[in-house]
Amino acid sequence: MWIRQTVLCVALLAFALITQQAFLSRIGLPGSTPDLLLVTVIALALAYGPATGAVVGFGAGLALDFDPATAGIIGLSAGIYALVGFITGIAIEPRDRTPLALLGIASLSCGASVIAYGALNMVFGNERVIWGHVPPLVLTSALYGLLLALAVIPVVAWLVGKITPEVNL
C-alpha cells in the first residue's frame, strides 16, 4: 500500500507545483499568489494523517524552495509546509470532519503560512518584509486557499479512496 500512497502523493504534488508555478503565479490576481501546493499538502494530511502530512509537506516545501522562480531561504518553505501538514493532520478528528470545518482549516492554514513566512524571514534577517502589506496578503491567501480547497480536497479524497482504499477517511 505504501508504494501506491507514495506514487499518488508525488504525482499530486508534482501536478500542483507545476500548475502553481506555470499558471497561478502568472495570472495576476490581486494580493498573494494562490498556493495550490499548500492546499494539496493540506488535503493529503487530512486524508493520510499527521505523519504523512509532515513528510509530504516537507517534500513539497523543499521542491518549492529549489524552484528557480522562488527566491528565498532554502528550507523555509519546507519547514512551514511540514508544520502545516502535521498540524492539519491532527487538527480535526475524523468523526468531526464536516465540509465547513475542512474548508475552514484549509483557509486558516493558508493565511497562517503567510504570517509564518513573514515572521521567519524577519528572524533570519530579511529586511524586505513590509508588515503593512501582510494583512491584505493574509486575507487574499486565506480566500484563495478556501476557493482552491473547494476543488482540491474532494478530488484528493476521491483519489485516496480509489487508489488506497485501505485508508480510513
C-alpha atoms as a PDB file:
ATOM      1  CA  MET A   1       0.000   0.000   0.000  1.00  0.00           C
ATOM      2  CA  TRP A   2       2.766   2.471   0.789  1.00  0.00           C
ATOM      3  CA  ILE A   3       4.013   2.322  -2.816  1.00  0.00           C
ATOM      4  CA  ARG A   4       0.613   3.375  -4.159  1.00  0.00           C
ATOM      5  CA  GLN A   5       0.357   6.041  -1.475  1.00  0.00           C
ATOM      6  CA  THR A   6       3.816   7.389  -2.324  1.00  0.00           C
ATOM      7  CA  VAL A   7       3.142   7.440  -6.068  1.00  0.00           C
ATOM      8  CA  LEU A   8      -0.171   9.229  -5.507  1.00  0.00           C
ATOM      9  CA  CYS A   9       1.387  11.843  -3.216  1.00  0.00           C
ATOM     10  CA  VAL A  10       4.308  12.524  -5.562  1.00  0.00           C
ATOM     11  CA  ALA A  11       2.033  12.769  -8.608  1.00  0.00           C
ATOM     12  CA  LEU A  12      -0.379  15.161  -6.897  1.00  0.00           C
ATOM     13  CA  LEU A  13       2.424  17.335  -5.543  1.00  0.00           C
ATOM     14  CA  ALA A  14       4.205  17.455  -8.913  1.00  0.00           C
ATOM     15  CA  PHE A  15       0.975  18.458 -10.645  1.00  0.00           C
ATOM     16  CA  ALA A  16       0.278  21.118  -8.007  1.00  0.00           C
ATOM     17  CA  LEU A  17       3.803  22.564  -8.163  1.00  0.00           C
ATOM     18  CA  ILE A  18       3.845  22.744 -11.956  1.00  0.00           C
ATOM     19  CA  THR A  19       0.358  24.253 -12.103  1.00  0.00           C
ATOM     20  CA  GLN A  20       1.169  26.788  -9.409  1.00  0.00           C
ATOM     21  CA  GLN A  21       4.458  27.929 -10.887  1.00  0.00           C
ATOM     22  CA  ALA A  22       3.432  27.824 -14.550  1.00  0.00           C
ATOM     23  CA  PHE A  23      -0.097  29.225 -14.356  1.00  0.00           C
ATOM     24  CA  LEU A  24      -1.304  30.504 -10.989  1.00  0.00           C
ATOM     25  CA  SER A  25       1.735  32.703 -10.376  1.00  0.00           C
ATOM     26  CA  ARG A  26       1.282  34.398 -13.755  1.00  0.00           C
ATOM     27  CA  ILE A  27      -2.433  35.215 -13.845  1.00  0.00           C
ATOM     28  CA  GLY A  28      -2.040  38.438 -11.889  1.00  0.00           C
ATOM     29  CA  LEU A  29      -4.663  38.086  -9.189  1.00  0.00           C
ATOM     30  CA  PRO A  30      -4.643  40.811  -6.531  1.00  0.00           C
ATOM     31  CA  GLY A  31      -2.801  40.068  -3.318  1.00  0.00           C
ATOM     32  CA  SER A  32      -0.949  36.823  -2.828  1.00  0.00           C
ATOM     33  CA  THR A  33      -0.498  34.020  -5.326  1.00  0.00           C
ATOM     34  CA  PRO A  34      -2.949  31.120  -4.865  1.00  0.00           C
ATOM     35  CA  ASP A  35      -0.979  28.366  -3.096  1.00  0.00           C
ATOM     36  CA  LEU A  36      -2.187  25.178  -4.775  1.00  0.00           C
ATOM     37  CA  LEU A  37       0.789  23.248  -3.428  1.00  0.00           C
ATOM     38  CA  LEU A  38      -0.060  24.079   0.193  1.00  0.00           C
ATOM     39  CA  VAL A  39      -3.738  23.210  -0.314  1.00  0.00           C
ATOM     40  CA  THR A  40      -2.660  19.857  -1.803  1.00  0.00           C
ATOM     41  CA  VAL A  41      -0.452  19.217   1.247  1.00  0.00           C
ATOM     42  CA  ILE A  42      -3.416  20.059   3.484  1.00  0.00           C
ATOM     43  CA  ALA A  43      -5.694  17.683   1.565  1.00  0.00           C
ATOM     44  CA  LEU A  44      -3.149  14.859   1.783  1.00  0.00           C
ATOM     45  CA  ALA A  45      -2.642  15.496   5.510  1.00  0.00           C
ATOM     46  CA  LEU A  46      -6.395  15.295   6.041  1.00  0.00           C
ATOM     47  CA  ALA A  47      -6.526  12.038   4.097  1.00  0.00           C
ATOM     48  CA  TYR A  48      -3.462  10.262   5.489  1.00  0.00           C
ATOM     49  CA  GLY A  49      -2.808  11.838   8.896  1.00  0.00           C
ATOM     50  CA  PRO A  50      -0.180  13.986  10.586  1.00  0.00           C
ATOM     51  CA  ALA A  51       2.940  11.892   9.893  1.00  0.00           C
ATOM     52  CA  THR A  52       2.287  11.680   6.167  1.00  0.00           C
ATOM     53  CA  GLY A  53       1.207  15.322   6.186  1.00  0.00           C
ATOM     54  CA  ALA A  54       4.531  16.389   7.679  1.00  0.00           C
ATOM     55  CA  VAL A  55       6.591  14.270   5.276  1.00  0.00           C
ATOM     56  CA  VAL A  56       4.580  15.372   2.250  1.00  0.00           C
ATOM     57  CA  GLY A  57       4.732  18.983   3.425  1.00  0.00           C
ATOM     58  CA  PHE A  58       8.489  18.849   3.854  1.00  0.00           C
ATOM     59  CA  GLY A  59       8.987  17.349   0.395  1.00  0.00           C
ATOM     60  CA  ALA A  60       6.628  19.816  -1.247  1.00  0.00           C
ATOM     61  CA  GLY A  61       8.231  22.771   0.505  1.00  0.00           C
ATOM     62  CA  LEU A  62      11.712  21.603  -0.421  1.00  0.00           C
ATOM     63  CA  ALA A  63      10.659  21.241  -4.070  1.00  0.00           C
ATOM     64  CA  LEU A  64       9.276  24.779  -3.926  1.00  0.00           C
ATOM     65  CA  ASP A  65      12.450  26.094  -2.263  1.00  0.00           C
ATOM     66  CA  PHE A  66      14.633  24.680  -5.034  1.00  0.00           C
ATOM     67  CA  ASP A  67      12.418  26.000  -7.811  1.00  0.00           C
ATOM     68  CA  PRO A  68      14.389  28.707  -9.649  1.00  0.00           C
ATOM     69  CA  ALA A  69      11.354  31.015  -9.728  1.00  0.00           C
ATOM     70  CA  THR A  70      11.246  31.074  -5.929  1.00  0.00           C
ATOM     71  CA  ALA A  71      13.737  33.395  -4.282  1.00  0.00           C
ATOM     72  CA  GLY A  72      14.321  32.937  -0.611  1.00  0.00           C
ATOM     73  CA  ILE A  73      15.928  30.924   2.132  1.00  0.00           C
ATOM     74  CA  ILE A  74      16.298  27.245   1.245  1.00  0.00           C
ATOM     75  CA  GLY A  75      14.317  25.155   3.731  1.00  0.00           C
ATOM     76  CA  LEU A  76      11.939  27.894   4.843  1.00  0.00           C
ATOM     77  CA  SER A  77       9.017  26.622   2.779  1.00  0.00           C
ATOM     78  CA  ALA A  78       9.900  23.055   3.709  1.00  0.00           C
ATOM     79  CA  GLY A  79       9.647  23.828   7.415  1.00  0.00           C
ATOM     80  CA  ILE A  80       6.430  25.798   7.106  1.00  0.00           C
ATOM     81  CA  TYR A  81       4.750  23.220   4.848  1.00  0.00           C
ATOM     82  CA  ALA A  82       5.838  20.354   7.134  1.00  0.00           C
ATOM     83  CA  LEU A  83       4.416  22.149  10.163  1.00  0.00           C
ATOM     84  CA  VAL A  84       1.150  22.945   8.351  1.00  0.00           C
ATOM     85  CA  GLY A  85       0.877  19.318   7.164  1.00  0.00           C
ATOM     86  CA  PHE A  86       1.425  17.979  10.671  1.00  0.00           C
ATOM     87  CA  ILE A  87      -0.944  20.404  12.400  1.00  0.00           C
ATOM     88  CA  THR A  88      -3.632  19.900   9.768  1.00  0.00           C
ATOM     89  CA  GLY A  89      -3.386  16.135  10.182  1.00  0.00           C
ATOM     90  CA  ILE A  90      -4.086  16.346  13.913  1.00  0.00           C
ATOM     91  CA  ALA A  91      -6.362  19.411  13.997  1.00  0.00           C
ATOM     92  CA  ILE A  92      -9.653  17.726  13.153  1.00  0.00           C
ATOM     93  CA  GLU A  93     -10.794  14.333  14.394  1.00  0.00           C
ATOM     94  CA  PRO A  94     -12.053  12.117  11.542  1.00  0.00           C
ATOM     95  CA  ARG A  95     -15.552  11.951  13.043  1.00  0.00           C
ATOM     96  CA  ASP A  96     -15.728  15.776  13.212  1.00  0.00           C
ATOM     97  CA  ARG A  97     -14.804  16.391   9.591  1.00  0.00           C
ATOM     98  CA  THR A  98     -17.619  18.403   8.142  1.00  0.00           C
ATOM     99  CA  PRO A  99     -17.148  20.184   4.798  1.00  0.00           C
ATOM    100  CA  LEU A 100     -17.237  23.553   6.537  1.00  0.00           C
ATOM    101  CA  ALA A 101     -14.549  22.503   9.020  1.00  0.00           C
ATOM    102  CA  LEU A 102     -12.301  21.173   6.242  1.00  0.00           C
ATOM    103  CA  LEU A 103     -12.639  24.379   4.243  1.00  0.00           C
ATOM    104  CA  GLY A 104     -12.010  26.438   7.361  1.00  0.00           C
ATOM    105  CA  ILE A 105      -8.827  24.597   8.280  1.00  0.00           C
ATOM    106  CA  ALA A 106      -7.528  24.958   4.718  1.00  0.00           C
ATOM    107  CA  SER A 107      -8.276  28.670   4.679  1.00  0.00           C
ATOM    108  CA  LEU A 108      -6.763  29.298   8.107  1.00  0.00           C
ATOM    109  CA  SER A 109      -3.664  27.284   7.231  1.00  0.00           C
ATOM    110  CA  CYS A 110      -3.061  29.296   4.072  1.00  0.00           C
ATOM    111  CA  GLY A 111      -3.422  32.570   5.951  1.00  0.00           C
ATOM    112  CA  ALA A 112      -1.190  31.388   8.784  1.00  0.00           C
ATOM    113  CA  SER A 113       1.525  30.335   6.335  1.00  0.00           C
ATOM    114  CA  VAL A 114       1.824  33.946   5.119  1.00  0.00           C
ATOM    115  CA  ILE A 115       2.329  35.142   8.695  1.00  0.00           C
ATOM    116  CA  ALA A 116       4.888  32.377   9.270  1.00  0.00           C
ATOM    117  CA  TYR A 117       6.813  33.360   6.124  1.00  0.00           C
ATOM    118  CA  GLY A 118       6.927  36.980   7.213  1.00  0.00           C
ATOM    119  CA  ALA A 119       7.945  36.202  10.779  1.00  0.00           C
ATOM    120  CA  LEU A 120      10.647  33.711   9.821  1.00  0.00           C
ATOM    121  CA  ASN A 121      12.031  35.958   7.112  1.00  0.00           C
ATOM    122  CA  MET A 122      12.307  38.706   9.701  1.00  0.00           C
ATOM    123  CA  VAL A 123      14.001  36.371  12.187  1.00  0.00           C
ATOM    124  CA  PHE A 124      16.542  35.346   9.542  1.00  0.00           C
ATOM    125  CA  GLY A 125      17.345  38.974   8.720  1.00  0.00           C
ATOM    126  CA  ASN A 126      15.416  39.501   5.503  1.00  0.00           C
ATOM    127  CA  GLU A 127      14.614  43.201   5.507  1.00  0.00           C
ATOM    128  CA  ARG A 128      12.213  43.006   2.525  1.00  0.00           C
ATOM    129  CA  VAL A 129       9.246  42.158   4.763  1.00  0.00           C
ATOM    130  CA  ILE A 130       6.857  45.106   4.907  1.00  0.00           C
ATOM    131  CA  TRP A 131       4.405  44.389   7.715  1.00  0.00           C
ATOM    132  CA  GLY A 132       1.902  46.884   6.355  1.00  0.00           C
ATOM    133  CA  HIS A 133       1.421  44.609   3.335  1.00  0.00           C
ATOM    134  CA  VAL A 134       0.900  41.453   5.387  1.00  0.00           C
ATOM    135  CA  PRO A 135      -2.810  41.827   6.362  1.00  0.00           C
ATOM    136  CA  PRO A 136      -4.069  42.040   2.731  1.00  0.00           C
ATOM    137  CA  LEU A 137      -1.783  39.144   1.797  1.00  0.00           C
ATOM    138  CA  VAL A 138      -3.142  37.035   4.671  1.00  0.00           C
ATOM    139  CA  LEU A 139      -6.698  37.829   3.654  1.00  0.00           C
ATOM    140  CA  THR A 140      -6.205  37.019  -0.032  1.00  0.00           C
ATOM    141  CA  SER A 141      -4.187  33.895   0.755  1.00  0.00           C
ATOM    142  CA  ALA A 142      -6.968  32.633   3.040  1.00  0.00           C
ATOM    143  CA  LEU A 143      -9.587  33.422   0.398  1.00  0.00           C
ATOM    144  CA  TYR A 144      -7.635  31.709  -2.393  1.00  0.00           C
ATOM    145  CA  GLY A 145      -6.978  28.750  -0.077  1.00  0.00           C
ATOM    146  CA  LEU A 146     -10.704  28.461   0.576  1.00  0.00           C
ATOM    147  CA  LEU A 147     -11.542  28.554  -3.130  1.00  0.00           C
ATOM    148  CA  LEU A 148      -8.851  26.029  -4.029  1.00  0.00           C
ATOM    149  CA  ALA A 149      -9.894  23.748  -1.164  1.00  0.00           C
ATOM    150  CA  LEU A 150     -13.410  23.590  -2.613  1.00  0.00           C
ATOM    151  CA  ALA A 151     -11.962  21.684  -5.569  1.00  0.00           C
ATOM    152  CA  VAL A 152      -8.793  20.069  -4.228  1.00  0.00           C
ATOM    153  CA  ILE A 153      -9.976  18.389  -1.005  1.00  0.00           C
ATOM    154  CA  PRO A 154     -12.837  16.411  -2.626  1.00  0.00           C
ATOM    155  CA  VAL A 155     -10.649  15.349  -5.560  1.00  0.00           C
ATOM    156  CA  VAL A 156      -7.816  14.209  -3.284  1.00  0.00           C
ATOM    157  CA  ALA A 157     -10.270  12.367  -1.010  1.00  0.00           C
ATOM    158  CA  TRP A 158     -11.781  10.616  -4.023  1.00  0.00           C
ATOM    159  CA  LEU A 159      -8.333   9.639  -5.396  1.00  0.00           C
ATOM    160  CA  VAL A 160      -7.211   8.374  -1.994  1.00  0.00           C
ATOM    161  CA  GLY A 161     -10.378   6.277  -1.749  1.00  0.00           C
ATOM    162  CA  LYS A 162      -9.814   4.780  -5.206  1.00  0.00           C
ATOM    163  CA  ILE A 163      -6.069   4.229  -5.126  1.00  0.00           C
ATOM    164  CA  THR A 164      -5.521   3.403  -1.457  1.00  0.00           C
ATOM    165  CA  PRO A 165      -8.887   2.140  -0.180  1.00  0.00           C
ATOM    166  CA  GLU A 166      -7.276   0.695   2.960  1.00  0.00           C
ATOM    167  CA  VAL A 167      -7.013   4.215   4.387  1.00  0.00           C
ATOM    168  CA  ASN A 168      -9.921   5.213   6.616  1.00  0.00           C
ATOM    169  CA  LEU A 169     -11.057   8.716   5.705  1.00  0.00           C
END
